[in-house]
Amino acid sequence: MNIGTLAGKVWKSLDKNGAMTASALVKALNAKSNDIYMALGWLLREDKLNVTKAGNSVKYSLK
């Protein structure tokens, strides 16, 4: 899958559902975890995401 396309799907999923973990994004988008992490990196590089840590959980949300 094209990582840019997947980054768009991640963005849309976060826009619709709010903050999510990487594993929740894997399930929601039926994608490989490595691809999700690359898409998250893409969005982080573009300064589109907030990252919050609560306990052992890391959640991603849109800025």
Protein backbone atom coordinates (compact mmCIF):
# COMPACT_ATOMS: atom_id res chain seq x y z
CA MET A 1 0.00 0.00 0.00
CA ASN A 2 1.14 3.53 -0.75
CA ILE A 3 2.15 5.12 2.56
CA GLY A 4 0.86 8.55 1.50
CA THR A 5 -2.56 7.05 0.80
CA LEU A 6 -2.51 5.22 4.12
CA ALA A 7 -1.52 8.46 5.89
CA GLY A 8 -4.68 10.01 4.44
CA LYS A 9 -6.75 7.11 5.76
CA VAL A 10 -5.13 7.44 9.20
CA TRP A 11 -5.93 11.17 9.18
CA LYS A 12 -9.57 10.49 8.26
CA SER A 13 -9.86 7.81 10.96
CA LEU A 14 -8.46 10.16 13.62
CA ASP A 15 -10.75 12.95 12.40
CA LYS A 16 -13.79 10.68 12.72
CA ASN A 17 -12.89 8.78 15.92
CA GLY A 18 -10.63 11.12 17.89
CA ALA A 19 -7.43 9.98 19.61
CA MET A 20 -6.42 6.39 18.88
CA THR A 21 -3.52 4.06 19.59
CA ALA A 22 -1.46 2.56 16.78
CA SER A 23 -2.95 -0.88 17.47
CA ALA A 24 -6.48 0.56 17.22
CA LEU A 25 -5.54 2.11 13.86
CA VAL A 26 -4.18 -1.25 12.66
CA LYS A 27 -7.55 -2.87 13.45
CA ALA A 28 -9.67 0.01 12.13
CA LEU A 29 -7.82 0.23 8.82
CA ASN A 30 -6.95 -3.46 8.44
CA ALA A 31 -3.33 -2.57 7.77
CA LYS A 32 0.06 -3.91 8.82
CA SER A 33 1.50 -2.32 11.95
CA ASN A 34 4.71 -1.33 10.15
CA ASP A 35 2.66 0.52 7.53
CA ILE A 36 0.65 2.31 10.23
CA TYR A 37 3.85 3.45 11.94
CA MET A 38 5.20 4.75 8.62
CA ALA A 39 1.93 6.62 8.01
CA LEU A 40 2.05 8.08 11.54
CA GLY A 41 5.64 9.17 10.87
CA TRP A 42 4.50 10.84 7.65
CA LEU A 43 1.81 12.79 9.53
CA LEU A 44 4.19 13.65 12.38
CA ARG A 45 6.73 14.97 9.87
CA GLU A 46 4.02 17.20 8.42
CA ASP A 47 3.21 18.41 11.97
CA LYS A 48 -0.37 17.12 11.78
CA LEU A 49 -0.46 15.01 14.98
CA ASN A 50 -0.36 15.34 18.73
CA VAL A 51 1.14 12.44 20.68
CA THR A 52 0.06 11.81 24.26
CA LYS A 53 1.21 9.11 26.64
CA ALA A 54 -0.96 7.79 29.46
CA GLY A 55 0.61 4.92 31.38
CA ASN A 56 1.75 2.34 28.83
CA SER A 57 -0.51 3.71 26.11
CA VAL A 58 0.47 6.18 23.38
CA LYS A 59 -2.40 7.92 21.58
CA TYR A 60 -2.31 9.94 18.39
CA SER A 61 -4.72 12.77 17.63
CA LEU A 62 -5.02 15.55 15.08
CA LYS A 63 -3.69 19.02 15.84
